[in-house]
Amino acid sequence: MRISRYSWVIVFIACTLPFSAEALDLAKRQYLSPQEAASLKQEVRFLDVRSTLEWLRGRVKGAVHIPHDEVAEKVTTLIPDRSVPVVTYCASGGRASYVVDAMQKLGYTVVPVVNGGYRELISSGLEKD
């Protein structure tokens, strides 16, 4: 089967159109792609749960830093508003997934994890500090 040049153009355009991030219901999402997280329009807080050394090498602009093993003790002080979605990230997604249970036990209801982690977030367009 032969696909015309025009069909390829239509496929390319459809794949590169931006989606409406405002339509994302974060309360129903456990995970976000880096592209979805980078294009969020609603109010969110980014929580970096990487080590201090990783944090010092670069971070998402405006992110709060709490190493993953300290989240349960520090998150209520650094992010007191439990109604604002907290988008968590680490280097790949593993440590960020680990902290979700602890945060939910503390009353945070919207805590999606970014699949892929910090590098992918920056590659997707988020500003770096």
C-alpha atoms as a PDB file:
ATOM      1  CA  MET A   1       0.000   0.000   0.000  1.00  0.00           C
ATOM      2  CA  ARG A   2       1.410   3.346  -1.018  1.00  0.00           C
ATOM      3  CA  ILE A   3       0.787   6.446   1.105  1.00  0.00           C
ATOM      4  CA  SER A   4       0.846   9.743  -0.693  1.00  0.00           C
ATOM      5  CA  ARG A   5       3.075  12.627   0.281  1.00  0.00           C
ATOM      6  CA  TYR A   6      -0.018  14.597   1.369  1.00  0.00           C
ATOM      7  CA  SER A   7      -1.081  11.843   3.766  1.00  0.00           C
ATOM      8  CA  TRP A   8       2.306  12.036   5.476  1.00  0.00           C
ATOM      9  CA  VAL A   9       1.934  15.802   5.844  1.00  0.00           C
ATOM     10  CA  ILE A  10      -1.476  15.369   7.494  1.00  0.00           C
ATOM     11  CA  VAL A  11      -0.105  12.723   9.880  1.00  0.00           C
ATOM     12  CA  PHE A  12       2.853  14.955  10.758  1.00  0.00           C
ATOM     13  CA  ILE A  13       0.640  17.956  11.490  1.00  0.00           C
ATOM     14  CA  ALA A  14      -1.753  15.894  13.625  1.00  0.00           C
ATOM     15  CA  CYS A  15       1.135  14.504  15.689  1.00  0.00           C
ATOM     16  CA  THR A  16       2.695  17.886  16.335  1.00  0.00           C
ATOM     17  CA  LEU A  17      -0.428  19.837  17.283  1.00  0.00           C
ATOM     18  CA  PRO A  18      -0.345  20.916  20.924  1.00  0.00           C
ATOM     19  CA  PHE A  19      -2.932  19.310  23.134  1.00  0.00           C
ATOM     20  CA  SER A  20      -5.014  21.313  25.593  1.00  0.00           C
ATOM     21  CA  ALA A  21      -3.259  20.925  28.936  1.00  0.00           C
ATOM     22  CA  GLU A  22      -6.072  22.831  30.581  1.00  0.00           C
ATOM     23  CA  ALA A  23      -8.307  19.853  29.871  1.00  0.00           C
ATOM     24  CA  LEU A  24      -6.170  17.544  32.030  1.00  0.00           C
ATOM     25  CA  ASP A  25      -7.966  16.497  35.198  1.00  0.00           C
ATOM     26  CA  LEU A  26      -4.965  16.018  37.444  1.00  0.00           C
ATOM     27  CA  ALA A  27      -7.104  14.504  40.199  1.00  0.00           C
ATOM     28  CA  LYS A  28      -7.616  11.470  37.940  1.00  0.00           C
ATOM     29  CA  ARG A  29      -3.976  11.135  36.886  1.00  0.00           C
ATOM     30  CA  GLN A  30      -1.231   9.215  38.683  1.00  0.00           C
ATOM     31  CA  TYR A  31       1.365   9.939  36.010  1.00  0.00           C
ATOM     32  CA  LEU A  32       2.071  12.708  33.512  1.00  0.00           C
ATOM     33  CA  SER A  33       4.317  12.685  30.500  1.00  0.00           C
ATOM     34  CA  PRO A  34       7.049  15.321  30.579  1.00  0.00           C
ATOM     35  CA  GLN A  35       5.253  17.108  27.733  1.00  0.00           C
ATOM     36  CA  GLU A  36       1.969  17.215  29.672  1.00  0.00           C
ATOM     37  CA  ALA A  37       3.692  18.502  32.807  1.00  0.00           C
ATOM     38  CA  ALA A  38       5.625  21.141  30.864  1.00  0.00           C
ATOM     39  CA  SER A  39       2.474  22.543  29.292  1.00  0.00           C
ATOM     40  CA  LEU A  40       0.228  22.699  32.359  1.00  0.00           C
ATOM     41  CA  LYS A  41      -1.720  25.943  32.531  1.00  0.00           C
ATOM     42  CA  GLN A  42      -3.326  25.521  35.942  1.00  0.00           C
ATOM     43  CA  GLU A  43      -1.677  26.288  39.279  1.00  0.00           C
ATOM     44  CA  VAL A  44       0.643  23.492  40.374  1.00  0.00           C
ATOM     45  CA  ARG A  45       3.713  23.126  42.563  1.00  0.00           C
ATOM     46  CA  PHE A  46       6.653  21.120  41.285  1.00  0.00           C
ATOM     47  CA  LEU A  47       8.340  18.966  43.928  1.00  0.00           C
ATOM     48  CA  ASP A  48      11.865  17.748  43.211  1.00  0.00           C
ATOM     49  CA  VAL A  49      12.644  14.670  45.328  1.00  0.00           C
ATOM     50  CA  ARG A  50      16.161  14.076  44.004  1.00  0.00           C
ATOM     51  CA  SER A  51      19.263  14.262  46.199  1.00  0.00           C
ATOM     52  CA  THR A  52      20.742  17.611  47.173  1.00  0.00           C
ATOM     53  CA  LEU A  53      23.686  17.061  44.797  1.00  0.00           C
ATOM     54  CA  GLU A  54      21.301  16.434  41.883  1.00  0.00           C
ATOM     55  CA  TRP A  55      19.271  19.523  42.872  1.00  0.00           C
ATOM     56  CA  LEU A  56      22.396  21.703  42.884  1.00  0.00           C
ATOM     57  CA  ARG A  57      23.225  20.582  39.330  1.00  0.00           C
ATOM     58  CA  GLY A  58      19.920  21.960  38.039  1.00  0.00           C
ATOM     59  CA  ARG A  59      16.207  22.065  38.754  1.00  0.00           C
ATOM     60  CA  VAL A  60      12.855  23.144  37.343  1.00  0.00           C
ATOM     61  CA  LYS A  61      12.377  26.858  37.884  1.00  0.00           C
ATOM     62  CA  GLY A  62      10.313  27.475  41.022  1.00  0.00           C
ATOM     63  CA  ALA A  63      10.399  23.856  42.196  1.00  0.00           C
ATOM     64  CA  VAL A  64      10.471  22.979  45.883  1.00  0.00           C
ATOM     65  CA  HIS A  65      13.246  20.583  46.873  1.00  0.00           C
ATOM     66  CA  ILE A  66      12.785  17.847  49.460  1.00  0.00           C
ATOM     67  CA  PRO A  67      14.911  14.696  49.179  1.00  0.00           C
ATOM     68  CA  HIS A  68      12.631  11.656  48.841  1.00  0.00           C
ATOM     69  CA  ASP A  69      13.538  10.254  52.258  1.00  0.00           C
ATOM     70  CA  GLU A  70      12.592  13.549  53.977  1.00  0.00           C
ATOM     71  CA  VAL A  71       9.237  14.261  52.291  1.00  0.00           C
ATOM     72  CA  ALA A  72       7.032  12.924  55.108  1.00  0.00           C
ATOM     73  CA  GLU A  73       8.715  15.221  57.640  1.00  0.00           C
ATOM     74  CA  LYS A  74       9.042  18.402  55.562  1.00  0.00           C
ATOM     75  CA  VAL A  75       6.316  18.639  52.912  1.00  0.00           C
ATOM     76  CA  THR A  76       3.615  20.153  55.150  1.00  0.00           C
ATOM     77  CA  THR A  77       5.969  22.999  56.069  1.00  0.00           C
ATOM     78  CA  LEU A  78       7.254  23.712  52.543  1.00  0.00           C
ATOM     79  CA  ILE A  79       3.964  23.086  50.683  1.00  0.00           C
ATOM     80  CA  PRO A  80       1.244  23.831  53.252  1.00  0.00           C
ATOM     81  CA  ASP A  81      -1.652  24.177  50.763  1.00  0.00           C
ATOM     82  CA  ARG A  82      -2.837  20.597  50.253  1.00  0.00           C
ATOM     83  CA  SER A  83      -5.441  21.645  47.690  1.00  0.00           C
ATOM     84  CA  VAL A  84      -2.882  22.676  45.043  1.00  0.00           C
ATOM     85  CA  PRO A  85      -1.689  19.830  42.787  1.00  0.00           C
ATOM     86  CA  VAL A  86       1.890  18.789  43.549  1.00  0.00           C
ATOM     87  CA  VAL A  87       3.673  17.429  40.465  1.00  0.00           C
ATOM     88  CA  THR A  88       6.552  15.301  41.701  1.00  0.00           C
ATOM     89  CA  TYR A  89       9.702  14.406  39.804  1.00  0.00           C
ATOM     90  CA  CYS A  90      13.112  12.855  40.307  1.00  0.00           C
ATOM     91  CA  ALA A  91      15.682  11.606  37.791  1.00  0.00           C
ATOM     92  CA  SER A  92      13.484   8.891  36.294  1.00  0.00           C
ATOM     93  CA  GLY A  93      10.227   8.573  38.252  1.00  0.00           C
ATOM     94  CA  GLY A  94      11.099   5.891  40.809  1.00  0.00           C
ATOM     95  CA  ARG A  95      11.738   8.063  43.874  1.00  0.00           C
ATOM     96  CA  ALA A  96       8.863  10.375  42.957  1.00  0.00           C
ATOM     97  CA  SER A  97       6.477   7.404  42.879  1.00  0.00           C
ATOM     98  CA  TYR A  98       7.765   6.367  46.293  1.00  0.00           C
ATOM     99  CA  VAL A  99       6.681   9.632  47.987  1.00  0.00           C
ATOM    100  CA  VAL A 100       3.086   9.691  46.674  1.00  0.00           C
ATOM    101  CA  ASP A 101       1.745   7.369  49.403  1.00  0.00           C
ATOM    102  CA  ALA A 102       3.354   9.429  52.161  1.00  0.00           C
ATOM    103  CA  MET A 103       1.894  12.642  50.743  1.00  0.00           C
ATOM    104  CA  GLN A 104      -1.581  11.147  50.348  1.00  0.00           C
ATOM    105  CA  LYS A 105      -1.512  10.019  53.994  1.00  0.00           C
ATOM    106  CA  LEU A 106      -0.786  13.659  54.896  1.00  0.00           C
ATOM    107  CA  GLY A 107      -3.857  14.867  52.989  1.00  0.00           C
ATOM    108  CA  TYR A 108      -2.432  15.774  49.574  1.00  0.00           C
ATOM    109  CA  THR A 109      -4.970  14.455  47.098  1.00  0.00           C
ATOM    110  CA  VAL A 110      -3.485  15.436  43.734  1.00  0.00           C
ATOM    111  CA  VAL A 111       0.086  14.173  43.412  1.00  0.00           C
ATOM    112  CA  PRO A 112       0.905  13.069  39.854  1.00  0.00           C
ATOM    113  CA  VAL A 113       4.394  11.805  39.049  1.00  0.00           C
ATOM    114  CA  VAL A 114       6.293  12.835  35.931  1.00  0.00           C
ATOM    115  CA  ASN A 115       7.405   9.806  33.934  1.00  0.00           C
ATOM    116  CA  GLY A 116      10.955  10.236  32.767  1.00  0.00           C
ATOM    117  CA  GLY A 117      12.129  12.791  35.291  1.00  0.00           C
ATOM    118  CA  TYR A 118      14.077  16.015  35.349  1.00  0.00           C
ATOM    119  CA  ARG A 119      15.970  15.872  32.038  1.00  0.00           C
ATOM    120  CA  GLU A 120      12.826  15.094  30.102  1.00  0.00           C
ATOM    121  CA  LEU A 121      10.970  17.963  31.799  1.00  0.00           C
ATOM    122  CA  ILE A 122      13.662  20.417  30.740  1.00  0.00           C
ATOM    123  CA  SER A 123      13.764  18.920  27.220  1.00  0.00           C
ATOM    124  CA  SER A 124       9.982  19.390  27.068  1.00  0.00           C
ATOM    125  CA  GLY A 125      10.230  23.119  27.636  1.00  0.00           C
ATOM    126  CA  LEU A 126      10.130  23.824  31.360  1.00  0.00           C
ATOM    127  CA  GLU A 127      12.517  26.529  32.476  1.00  0.00           C
ATOM    128  CA  LYS A 128      15.604  25.558  34.414  1.00  0.00           C
ATOM    129  CA  ASP A 129      16.960  27.332  37.491  1.00  0.00           C
END
